[in-house]
Amino acid sequence: MEAATPMSPESLTTVEILESISVTHRNQALEMLRTFAYELRSEQKWEELYSKHPGPMKKMAKQALKEYKEGKSREL
């Protein structure tokens, strides 16, 4: 049997908070936390990618700005 990995103080605090609310609210809070964590991971991946390879993003930004100035862009 594998030894359990100890939880960080932050994780323990999260568990304590979740255990203090009703199951219905706990499930809602967990879903919100999942969504928030997914967005943070996604943002972190973009930041890492940009820091390693800024060239393509800069090129796309320049192209987008050029198209905007030429009136070739439209609002989403």
C-alpha atoms as a PDB file:
ATOM      1  CA  MET A   1       0.000   0.000   0.000  1.00  0.00           C
ATOM      2  CA  GLU A   2       1.303   3.464  -0.929  1.00  0.00           C
ATOM      3  CA  ALA A   3       1.862   6.064   1.736  1.00  0.00           C
ATOM      4  CA  ALA A   4      -0.518   8.992   1.525  1.00  0.00           C
ATOM      5  CA  THR A   5       0.991  12.298   0.460  1.00  0.00           C
ATOM      6  CA  PRO A   6       0.627  14.840   3.266  1.00  0.00           C
ATOM      7  CA  MET A   7      -1.706  17.711   2.455  1.00  0.00           C
ATOM      8  CA  SER A   8      -0.452  21.280   2.385  1.00  0.00           C
ATOM      9  CA  PRO A   9      -1.804  23.742   4.962  1.00  0.00           C
ATOM     10  CA  GLU A  10      -3.737  25.445   2.134  1.00  0.00           C
ATOM     11  CA  SER A  11      -5.375  22.159   1.140  1.00  0.00           C
ATOM     12  CA  LEU A  12      -6.284  21.400   4.747  1.00  0.00           C
ATOM     13  CA  THR A  13      -7.861  24.846   5.094  1.00  0.00           C
ATOM     14  CA  THR A  14      -9.867  24.220   1.921  1.00  0.00           C
ATOM     15  CA  VAL A  15     -11.142  20.899   3.279  1.00  0.00           C
ATOM     16  CA  GLU A  16     -12.080  22.507   6.603  1.00  0.00           C
ATOM     17  CA  ILE A  17     -14.024  25.242   4.817  1.00  0.00           C
ATOM     18  CA  LEU A  18     -15.840  22.773   2.569  1.00  0.00           C
ATOM     19  CA  GLU A  19     -16.697  20.476   5.479  1.00  0.00           C
ATOM     20  CA  SER A  20     -18.267  23.405   7.336  1.00  0.00           C
ATOM     21  CA  ILE A  21     -21.017  23.951   4.737  1.00  0.00           C
ATOM     22  CA  SER A  22     -23.949  21.845   3.585  1.00  0.00           C
ATOM     23  CA  VAL A  23     -23.437  19.140   0.966  1.00  0.00           C
ATOM     24  CA  THR A  24     -25.446  21.100  -1.612  1.00  0.00           C
ATOM     25  CA  HIS A  25     -23.358  24.216  -1.121  1.00  0.00           C
ATOM     26  CA  ARG A  26     -20.198  22.104  -0.936  1.00  0.00           C
ATOM     27  CA  ASN A  27     -20.901  20.662  -4.380  1.00  0.00           C
ATOM     28  CA  GLN A  28     -21.558  24.147  -5.762  1.00  0.00           C
ATOM     29  CA  ALA A  29     -18.328  25.427  -4.205  1.00  0.00           C
ATOM     30  CA  LEU A  30     -16.373  22.482  -5.626  1.00  0.00           C
ATOM     31  CA  GLU A  31     -17.705  23.148  -9.112  1.00  0.00           C
ATOM     32  CA  MET A  32     -16.733  26.812  -8.810  1.00  0.00           C
ATOM     33  CA  LEU A  33     -13.274  25.796  -7.570  1.00  0.00           C
ATOM     34  CA  ARG A  34     -12.830  23.360 -10.480  1.00  0.00           C
ATOM     35  CA  THR A  35     -13.744  26.068 -12.985  1.00  0.00           C
ATOM     36  CA  PHE A  36     -11.461  28.602 -11.326  1.00  0.00           C
ATOM     37  CA  ALA A  37      -8.535  26.146 -11.182  1.00  0.00           C
ATOM     38  CA  TYR A  38      -9.043  25.222 -14.853  1.00  0.00           C
ATOM     39  CA  GLU A  39      -8.933  28.900 -15.838  1.00  0.00           C
ATOM     40  CA  LEU A  40      -5.797  29.483 -13.757  1.00  0.00           C
ATOM     41  CA  ARG A  41      -4.037  26.473 -15.328  1.00  0.00           C
ATOM     42  CA  SER A  42      -5.023  27.660 -18.786  1.00  0.00           C
ATOM     43  CA  GLU A  43      -3.693  31.150 -18.085  1.00  0.00           C
ATOM     44  CA  GLN A  44      -0.486  29.684 -16.656  1.00  0.00           C
ATOM     45  CA  LYS A  45       0.053  27.583 -19.800  1.00  0.00           C
ATOM     46  CA  TRP A  46      -0.351  30.674 -22.012  1.00  0.00           C
ATOM     47  CA  GLU A  47       2.107  32.631 -19.872  1.00  0.00           C
ATOM     48  CA  GLU A  48       4.655  29.796 -20.034  1.00  0.00           C
ATOM     49  CA  LEU A  49       4.217  29.419 -23.788  1.00  0.00           C
ATOM     50  CA  TYR A  50       4.561  33.144 -24.392  1.00  0.00           C
ATOM     51  CA  SER A  51       7.648  33.434 -22.182  1.00  0.00           C
ATOM     52  CA  LYS A  52       9.361  30.610 -24.093  1.00  0.00           C
ATOM     53  CA  HIS A  53       8.263  31.611 -27.616  1.00  0.00           C
ATOM     54  CA  PRO A  54       7.078  35.244 -27.774  1.00  0.00           C
ATOM     55  CA  GLY A  55       7.824  35.646 -31.496  1.00  0.00           C
ATOM     56  CA  PRO A  56       4.665  34.082 -32.985  1.00  0.00           C
ATOM     57  CA  MET A  57       2.385  35.923 -30.539  1.00  0.00           C
ATOM     58  CA  LYS A  58       4.060  39.256 -31.283  1.00  0.00           C
ATOM     59  CA  LYS A  59       3.686  38.597 -35.009  1.00  0.00           C
ATOM     60  CA  MET A  60      -0.033  37.802 -34.626  1.00  0.00           C
ATOM     61  CA  ALA A  61      -0.545  40.910 -32.477  1.00  0.00           C
ATOM     62  CA  LYS A  62       1.128  43.112 -35.098  1.00  0.00           C
ATOM     63  CA  GLN A  63      -1.022  41.546 -37.829  1.00  0.00           C
ATOM     64  CA  ALA A  64      -4.201  42.078 -35.793  1.00  0.00           C
ATOM     65  CA  LEU A  65      -3.288  45.713 -35.131  1.00  0.00           C
ATOM     66  CA  LYS A  66      -2.563  46.258 -38.823  1.00  0.00           C
ATOM     67  CA  GLU A  67      -5.929  44.772 -39.815  1.00  0.00           C
ATOM     68  CA  TYR A  68      -7.670  46.910 -37.188  1.00  0.00           C
ATOM     69  CA  LYS A  69      -6.044  50.089 -38.492  1.00  0.00           C
ATOM     70  CA  GLU A  70      -7.022  49.128 -42.050  1.00  0.00           C
ATOM     71  CA  GLY A  71     -10.644  48.636 -40.977  1.00  0.00           C
ATOM     72  CA  LYS A  72     -10.531  44.916 -41.714  1.00  0.00           C
ATOM     73  CA  SER A  73     -11.489  43.807 -38.212  1.00  0.00           C
ATOM     74  CA  ARG A  74     -14.913  43.573 -36.630  1.00  0.00           C
ATOM     75  CA  GLU A  75     -16.277  43.400 -33.112  1.00  0.00           C
ATOM     76  CA  LEU A  76     -17.077  39.981 -31.715  1.00  0.00           C
END
